[in-house]
Protein backbone atom coordinates (compact mmCIF):
# COMPACT_ATOMS: atom_id res chain seq x y z
CA GLY A 1 -9.86 133.13 98.54
CA PRO A 2 -11.68 135.20 98.01
CA ILE A 3 -12.88 134.75 101.60
CA THR A 4 -13.19 136.66 104.85
CA PHE A 5 -13.36 135.01 108.28
CA PRO A 6 -12.74 135.98 111.92
CA LEU A 7 -9.93 134.54 114.03
CA TRP A 8 -10.82 132.88 117.31
CA PRO A 9 -8.80 133.80 120.41
CA GLY A 10 -5.39 132.11 120.18
CA GLN A 11 -5.53 131.70 116.43
CA LYS A 12 -3.22 133.43 113.94
CA ALA A 13 -3.11 133.54 110.18
CA LYS A 14 -0.55 134.37 107.49
CA VAL A 15 -1.62 135.40 104.02
CA ILE A 16 0.59 133.93 101.28
CA ASN A 17 0.21 134.82 97.64
CA GLY A 18 -0.36 132.07 95.10
CA HIS A 19 2.77 130.77 93.42
CA GLU A 20 3.43 131.54 89.75
CA LEU A 21 5.76 129.02 88.13
CA ARG A 22 7.73 128.95 84.93
CA GLU A 23 8.50 125.67 83.21
CA ASP A 24 11.94 125.50 84.85
CA GLN A 25 10.68 126.20 88.40
CA TYR A 26 9.15 124.03 91.12
CA LEU A 27 7.81 124.01 94.68
CA VAL A 28 8.46 121.58 97.51
CA VAL A 29 5.13 120.67 99.13
CA ARG A 30 4.76 118.74 102.42
CA VAL A 31 1.71 116.95 103.84
CA TYR A 32 0.99 118.15 107.40
CA ASP A 33 -2.57 116.82 107.89
CA GLN A 34 -4.92 114.18 106.56
CA VAL A 35 -5.96 114.84 102.97
CA ASP A 36 -8.40 113.24 100.58
CA GLU A 37 -5.64 111.57 98.52
CA LYS A 38 -5.11 108.07 99.92
CA GLU A 39 -1.48 107.74 98.82
CA CYS A 40 -0.37 110.75 100.85
CA GLN A 41 1.15 110.27 104.30
CA ILE A 42 1.78 112.94 106.90
CA GLY A 43 5.34 114.26 106.54
CA GLU A 44 5.63 113.16 102.93
CA GLU A 45 7.09 115.71 100.50
CA LYS A 46 6.00 116.19 96.90
CA ILE A 47 7.21 118.33 93.98
CA ALA A 48 4.93 120.76 92.14
CA LYS A 49 6.55 121.25 88.73
CA GLY A 50 6.18 124.35 86.62
CA SER A 51 6.02 122.12 83.57
CA GLU A 52 2.73 120.70 84.94
CA VAL A 53 1.12 123.70 86.66
CA SER A 54 1.74 127.41 86.04
CA PHE A 55 -0.11 128.67 89.17
CA TYR A 56 -0.26 126.75 92.43
CA ILE A 57 -2.27 127.17 95.64
CA PRO A 58 -1.90 124.27 98.11
CA LYS A 59 -4.98 122.40 99.27
CA THR A 60 -5.85 122.08 102.95
CA GLY A 61 -3.38 119.63 104.49
CA PHE A 62 -0.52 120.73 102.23
CA GLU A 63 2.08 123.41 102.88
CA VAL A 64 4.76 124.86 100.60
CA LEU A 65 8.21 124.74 102.19
CA PRO A 66 10.43 127.83 101.90
CA ASN A 67 13.92 127.60 100.41
CA VAL A 68 17.15 128.72 102.07
CA LYS A 69 16.66 132.26 100.77
CA GLY A 70 13.24 132.62 102.38
CA GLY A 71 11.25 132.34 99.16
CA TYR A 72 9.19 129.44 97.89
CA VAL A 73 9.82 129.09 94.16
CA GLN A 74 13.00 127.19 93.28
CA ASP A 75 14.79 126.78 89.97
CA ALA A 76 15.13 123.35 88.42
CA ARG A 77 18.48 122.10 87.11
CA HIS A 78 19.05 122.65 83.42
CA LEU A 79 20.28 119.55 81.65
CA ARG A 80 22.45 120.11 78.58
CA LYS A 81 24.43 117.90 76.26
CA ASN A 82 27.78 119.14 77.51
CA THR A 83 27.03 118.78 81.24
CA GLY A 84 26.03 116.03 83.66
CA LEU A 85 24.09 115.85 86.91
CA HIS A 86 25.21 113.89 89.98
CA VAL A 87 22.15 112.61 91.87
CA ARG A 88 21.79 110.59 95.11
CA VAL A 89 18.87 108.34 96.07
CA VAL A 90 17.48 109.26 99.52
CA LYS A 91 14.66 106.70 99.62
CA ASP A 92 14.05 103.36 97.92
CA PHE A 93 11.84 103.60 94.84
CA GLU A 94 11.21 102.04 91.45
CA ALA A 95 11.41 104.22 88.32
CA SER A 96 9.32 103.55 85.27
CA ALA A 97 9.69 104.63 81.65
CA GLY A 98 9.40 108.38 81.26
CA ASP A 99 10.77 109.20 84.71
CA GLN A 100 13.75 111.48 85.21
CA VAL A 101 16.08 108.52 85.77
CA PRO A 102 16.38 105.28 83.76
CA PRO A 103 13.79 102.57 84.63
CA GLY A 104 14.72 100.19 87.45
CA LYS A 105 14.85 99.75 91.21
CA TYR A 106 16.93 102.17 93.25
CA HIS A 107 18.08 101.95 96.85
CA ALA A 108 18.83 104.66 99.39
CA GLY A 109 22.43 105.89 99.16
CA GLN A 110 22.81 104.85 95.54
CA GLU A 111 24.36 107.49 93.27
CA ILE A 112 23.24 108.16 89.70
CA PHE A 113 24.92 110.13 86.94
CA LEU A 114 22.68 111.69 84.30
CA ARG A 115 24.34 112.73 81.07
CA ASP A 116 23.42 113.49 77.47
CA HIS A 117 19.99 114.76 78.56
CA GLU A 118 18.29 118.01 77.62
CA GLY A 119 15.50 119.67 79.60
CA PHE A 120 14.95 120.21 83.34
CA PHE A 121 15.57 118.06 86.40
CA PHE A 122 13.21 118.45 89.38
CA PRO A 123 14.34 117.05 92.75
CA SER A 124 11.84 114.79 94.47
CA GLY A 125 11.33 113.04 97.77
CA ASN A 126 13.37 110.15 96.39
CA LEU A 127 16.25 112.05 94.79
CA GLU A 128 18.58 114.86 95.77
CA VAL A 129 21.09 116.71 93.61
CA VAL A 130 24.72 116.32 94.71
CA GLY A 131 26.17 118.65 92.08
CA GLU A 132 26.51 119.56 88.45
CA VAL A 133 29.43 118.15 86.46
CA GLN A 134 31.03 120.26 83.71
CA THR A 135 32.93 118.89 80.75
CA ILE A 136 36.71 119.22 80.79
CA PRO A 137 38.00 120.56 77.46
CA ILE A 138 41.20 118.72 76.48
CA ALA A 139 43.12 120.31 73.62
CA GLU A 140 45.29 118.46 71.15
CA LYS A 141 48.52 117.19 72.73
CA GLU A 142 46.95 117.51 76.21
CA GLY A 143 45.51 114.98 78.63
CA VAL A 144 44.05 114.45 82.11
CA TYR A 145 44.51 111.64 84.64
CA VAL A 146 41.39 109.69 85.66
CA ARG A 147 41.23 107.26 88.62
CA GLU A 148 38.62 104.49 88.75
CA LEU A 149 36.95 104.62 92.18
CA GLU A 150 36.40 100.86 92.34
CA THR A 151 39.86 99.62 91.34
CA GLY A 152 42.09 102.66 91.88
CA LYS A 153 43.56 102.25 88.39
CA ILE A 154 44.66 105.53 86.80
CA SER A 155 44.33 106.02 83.05
CA THR A 156 45.00 108.98 80.76
CA GLU A 157 42.33 110.70 78.66
CA ILE A 158 44.06 112.30 75.65
CA GLY A 159 42.59 115.13 73.54
CA PRO A 160 41.32 116.67 71.48
CA LYS A 161 37.96 115.99 73.17
CA ASN A 162 35.43 117.27 75.68
CA PHE A 163 35.67 114.81 78.58
CA LEU A 164 32.68 114.44 80.94
CA PRO A 165 33.75 112.38 83.98
CA ASP A 166 31.18 110.16 85.70
CA PRO A 167 31.61 111.00 89.44
CA THR A 168 29.96 107.72 90.45
CA LYS A 169 32.77 105.77 88.77
CA VAL A 170 35.84 107.98 88.30
CA GLU A 171 37.57 111.07 89.61
CA VAL A 172 40.03 113.41 87.92
CA VAL A 173 43.39 113.52 89.70
CA THR A 174 46.52 115.61 89.24
CA ARG A 175 50.14 114.56 89.36
CA PRO A 176 52.27 116.90 91.49
CA LEU A 177 55.78 117.64 90.23
CA ASP A 178 58.49 119.13 92.40
CA PRO A 179 60.15 122.29 90.95
CA GLU A 180 63.37 120.47 89.99
CA THR A 181 61.53 117.75 88.07
CA ALA A 182 59.28 120.28 86.34
CA LYS A 183 62.40 122.22 85.29
CA ARG A 184 64.10 119.08 83.90
CA TYR A 185 60.94 118.22 81.98
CA GLY A 186 61.02 121.59 80.21
CA ASN A 187 59.68 124.17 82.74
CA LEU A 188 56.22 122.58 82.82
CA GLN A 189 53.15 124.42 84.04
CA ASN A 190 50.83 121.56 84.98
CA ALA A 191 47.54 123.44 85.56
CA GLY A 192 45.73 120.23 86.47
CA LYS A 193 46.51 118.49 83.17
CA ALA A 194 48.62 115.43 82.44
CA VAL A 195 52.40 115.83 82.15
CA SER A 196 53.09 116.74 78.52
CA ILE A 197 56.70 116.69 77.24
CA TYR A 198 57.74 118.41 73.99
CA ILE A 199 60.78 116.73 72.43
CA PRO A 200 62.57 119.04 69.91
CA PRO A 201 64.08 117.81 66.63
CA SER A 202 67.37 115.88 66.99
CA TYR A 203 66.59 115.09 70.64
CA ALA A 204 65.35 111.98 72.42
CA VAL A 205 64.07 111.03 75.89
CA MET A 206 63.68 107.70 77.63
CA VAL A 207 60.28 107.03 79.22
CA THR A 208 60.52 104.58 82.12
CA THR A 209 58.11 102.62 84.30
CA LYS A 210 58.75 99.82 86.77
CA ASP A 211 58.94 97.22 84.01
CA ARG A 212 59.39 99.10 80.72
CA ARG A 213 61.81 101.46 78.97
CA ASP A 214 60.97 103.27 75.72
CA VAL A 215 63.03 105.79 73.75
CA VAL A 216 60.95 108.59 72.18
CA LYS A 217 62.55 110.71 69.44
CA GLY A 218 61.54 114.25 68.47
CA PRO A 219 60.02 116.26 67.09
CA GLN A 220 56.84 115.23 68.92
CA THR A 221 54.86 115.71 72.11
CA LYS A 222 54.75 112.83 74.58
CA ILE A 223 52.00 112.72 77.22
CA LEU A 224 53.26 110.73 80.19
CA ASN A 225 51.00 108.23 81.94
CA PHE A 226 50.63 108.66 85.69
CA ASP A 227 53.30 106.04 86.46
CA GLU A 228 55.78 107.11 83.77
CA ASP A 229 58.94 109.17 84.32
CA LEU A 230 61.88 110.35 82.23
CA GLU A 231 65.38 108.93 82.61
CA VAL A 232 67.77 111.56 83.95
CA LEU A 233 71.26 112.01 82.47
CA ARG A 234 73.91 113.65 84.66
CA LEU A 235 76.58 115.30 82.51
CA SER A 236 80.02 116.66 83.36
CA THR A 237 80.49 120.39 82.82
CA GLY A 238 83.27 122.99 82.62
CA LYS A 239 86.53 123.15 80.66
CA PRO A 240 88.27 120.86 81.28
CA LYS A 241 85.29 118.58 81.97
CA THR A 242 84.90 117.57 85.62
CA ASP A 243 82.26 115.97 87.85
CA SER A 244 82.37 118.76 90.42
CA VAL A 245 79.34 120.44 88.81
CA ILE A 246 76.87 118.00 87.25
CA LEU A 247 74.17 119.06 84.78
CA PRO A 248 71.00 116.94 85.15
CA THR A 249 68.91 116.69 81.98
CA CYS A 250 66.31 114.38 80.44
CA PHE A 251 66.99 115.36 76.83
CA LEU A 252 69.71 113.64 74.80
CA GLN A 253 70.85 115.43 71.63
CA THR A 254 71.22 112.60 69.13
CA ASN A 255 72.38 114.59 66.09
CA GLY A 256 74.58 117.68 65.73
CA ASN A 257 75.80 117.38 69.30
CA LYS A 258 78.95 119.36 70.11
CA VAL A 259 81.12 118.76 73.19
CA SER A 260 84.07 121.03 74.01
CA ASP A 261 86.98 120.20 76.29
CA ILE A 262 90.48 121.31 77.24
CA VAL A 263 93.09 118.53 77.37
CA ARG A 264 96.48 119.02 79.03
CA VAL A 265 99.18 117.16 77.09
CA LYS A 266 102.96 116.72 77.21
CA THR A 267 105.21 116.39 74.14
CA SER A 268 108.15 114.02 73.74
CA ASP A 269 110.47 116.83 74.83
CA HIS A 270 108.43 117.35 78.05
CA VAL A 271 106.68 120.58 77.09
CA GLU A 272 103.17 120.94 78.56
CA LEU A 273 100.34 122.37 76.45
CA ASP A 274 96.60 122.96 76.83
CA VAL A 275 94.68 121.88 73.73
CA THR A 276 91.10 123.15 73.30
CA LEU A 277 89.04 120.66 71.31
CA SER A 278 85.48 120.49 70.00
CA TYR A 279 83.99 117.05 69.29
CA ARG A 280 81.06 116.52 66.91
CA VAL A 281 78.91 113.67 68.19
CA SER A 282 75.86 111.71 67.03
CA PHE A 283 74.13 108.55 68.25
CA ALA A 284 73.77 105.64 65.84
CA GLU A 285 70.40 103.97 65.31
CA GLY A 286 70.27 100.51 66.86
CA ASP A 287 69.08 97.33 65.15
CA LYS A 288 65.92 95.39 65.98
CA GLU A 289 67.63 93.51 68.80
CA THR A 290 69.44 96.32 70.58
CA GLY A 291 67.13 99.22 69.66
CA ASN A 292 67.94 102.71 70.87
CA ASP A 293 67.75 101.91 74.60
CA ARG A 294 71.55 101.77 74.73
CA TRP A 295 71.68 105.54 74.12
CA PHE A 296 70.83 105.94 77.82
CA ASN A 297 73.05 103.12 79.12
CA VAL A 298 75.70 105.66 80.13
CA LYS A 299 74.29 108.39 82.37
CA ASN A 300 77.32 110.65 81.86
CA TYR A 301 78.20 110.25 78.20
CA VAL A 302 80.13 113.55 78.25
CA GLY A 303 82.45 112.23 80.96
CA LEU A 304 82.97 108.98 79.04
CA LEU A 305 83.68 110.85 75.80
CA CYS A 306 86.14 113.35 77.24
CA ASP A 307 87.99 110.83 79.41
CA HIS A 308 88.50 108.33 76.62
CA LEU A 309 89.39 110.80 73.86
CA GLY A 310 91.57 112.82 76.21
CA SER A 311 93.63 109.69 76.88
CA ILE A 312 94.02 109.09 73.12
CA VAL A 313 95.10 112.69 72.51
CA ARG A 314 97.69 112.59 75.31
CA ALA A 315 99.20 109.38 73.91
CA ALA A 316 99.38 110.84 70.39
CA VAL A 317 101.03 114.08 71.51
CA ARG A 318 103.53 112.21 73.68
CA GLY A 319 105.09 110.79 70.51
CA ALA A 320 105.82 114.18 68.89
CA SER A 321 108.15 117.04 69.71
CA VAL A 322 106.73 120.43 70.58
CA GLU A 323 107.89 121.90 67.27
CA THR A 324 106.33 119.08 65.24
CA PHE A 325 103.07 119.10 67.17
CA HIS A 326 102.77 122.87 67.08
CA ALA A 327 103.10 122.79 63.31
CA LYS A 328 100.75 119.82 62.71
CA SER A 329 98.48 119.75 65.78
CA THR A 330 95.23 119.38 63.82
CA GLU A 331 96.49 116.48 61.71
CA VAL A 332 97.98 114.66 64.71
CA ILE A 333 94.78 114.89 66.78
CA ARG A 334 92.32 114.16 63.96
CA SER A 335 94.33 111.10 62.91
CA ALA A 336 94.49 109.83 66.48
CA ILE A 337 90.74 110.22 67.13
CA LEU A 338 89.10 109.76 63.71
CA GLY A 339 91.65 107.49 62.05
CA GLU A 340 94.07 108.03 59.20
CA LYS A 341 92.84 109.59 55.97
CA HIS A 342 93.38 107.61 52.79
CA GLY A 343 93.07 109.67 49.64
CA GLU A 344 89.63 111.15 49.15
CA GLU A 345 87.95 108.78 51.60
CA LYS A 346 86.49 110.14 54.81
CA ARG A 347 88.03 109.29 58.13
CA ALA A 348 86.42 106.33 59.88
CA GLY A 349 85.42 108.22 63.03
CA ARG A 350 85.24 106.67 66.49
CA HIS A 351 82.43 104.47 67.81
CA PHE A 352 81.48 103.81 71.41
CA ASP A 353 79.86 100.40 71.85
CA GLU A 354 78.68 101.28 75.35
CA ASN A 355 75.92 103.66 74.19
CA GLY A 356 76.08 103.88 70.39
CA MET A 357 77.93 107.22 70.47
CA PHE A 358 79.82 108.15 67.30
CA VAL A 359 82.43 110.92 66.98
CA TYR A 360 82.48 111.97 63.35
CA ASP A 361 84.60 115.15 63.54
CA VAL A 362 86.93 117.05 65.85
CA GLU A 363 88.16 120.64 65.71
CA VAL A 364 91.36 121.96 67.29
CA LEU A 365 90.35 125.41 68.51
CA ASP A 366 93.52 126.40 70.35
CA VAL A 367 96.95 125.12 71.38
CA ARG A 368 98.48 127.00 74.30
CA ILE A 369 102.05 126.46 75.55
CA LEU A 370 102.12 126.78 79.32
CA ASP A 371 105.85 127.57 79.71
CA ALA A 372 106.37 131.23 78.76
CA ASP A 373 110.07 130.76 77.91
CA VAL A 374 109.38 127.85 75.59
CA LYS A 375 106.56 129.79 74.00
CA LYS A 376 108.92 132.72 73.33
CA LEU A 377 111.63 130.45 71.91
CA LEU A 378 109.16 128.75 69.59
CA SER A 379 107.72 132.08 68.54
CA ASP A 380 111.20 133.47 67.80
CA ALA A 381 112.11 130.35 65.83
CA GLN A 382 108.96 130.65 63.77
CA ARG A 383 109.62 134.32 63.17
CA SER A 384 113.16 133.56 62.06
CA ALA A 385 111.95 130.81 59.74
CA ILE A 386 109.36 133.13 58.21
CA MET A 387 111.92 135.92 57.73
CA ALA A 388 114.40 133.47 56.18
CA GLU A 389 111.78 132.23 53.74
CA VAL A 390 110.78 135.76 52.80
CA ASN A 391 114.42 136.70 52.25
CA THR A 392 114.91 133.60 50.08
CA LYS A 393 111.97 134.56 47.90
CA GLN A 394 113.22 138.12 47.58
CA GLU A 395 116.66 136.88 46.57
CA GLY A 396 115.06 134.56 44.01
CA LEU A 397 113.06 137.45 42.51
CA ARG A 398 116.18 139.63 42.36
CA LEU A 399 118.14 136.84 40.70
CA ASN A 400 115.43 136.30 38.11
CA SER A 401 115.33 140.04 37.41
CA GLU A 402 119.10 140.19 36.88
């Protein structure tokens, strides 16, 4: 235009406004008839970029293709430092310096990842956009699992960082955890990130793979690799301790551990008692050869502790009468478990070579006589002894006064 012309019978015409383009917009133009330009072939598609022309009217032989929304002007992809663009080659071509992709020869079906670019990307007859790739923010003490498409190897990207995966080479994968495992690992909420375990102070976990075992002590956060798991301890529960209800846990308390138990004993005069005990337990550091792996050699260290010490307590009580034991129960049990006390020296304690466990103290919380008649007789005897002692003191005071 401007032009006016009549239509012949059978002809029809559609008036289309010229196309105004911003720098980040483009048009897809197709050749439908012979044109003056020699390099153009019928059916070939070209890109009219807004960065090169701000107003476009196609020449005779060219037509502008509409987009999926029915319009003509399309928006180019914005390239930013923190994003990437996944592009696929649809036709063989050779790129030169200054093109939208690095120089070189490209073949149909080949995929290209563009990153660390700023500006606009305009699709062409040779390239199509597969999708835009966003960075994955990984905070401190977090990670994501990444699988290499060629080898299948899975590695862990650990923060803090902004991770931009190359979809032509890798893919981000997640590691599903069943509810029981997630609960044992500390009520984890995965949310697509790597498995992250917080180990509190005075605790330790054992990280295992098919060919490796490592003990990790707290306080710290351990990010598990895709093939790593935590060793599971299965501890006896209840009082007295039994295996009827087992507590599964991955966390071993290495210092300040306290284990309570009720031990049924029998004195030399065949009186049965229930003794409630509380053991104080720690785990000794291993040397360079043994290390700390032995801490997890016994899956049920509570059962081992209570069975062995219960046997020692029963043997010690069997050598004392009920009256003697009732009067000196703490001394009898502490000497049997921790060793005799010599002057101001501390008791030796009891070591377990199986897993490095060390019992450094024991408390006698309660001694209960099961036979009610014996309990009454012993109580009466104690009452009589107390009354006799009080009377003796009163008589002594009276005598001194006289």
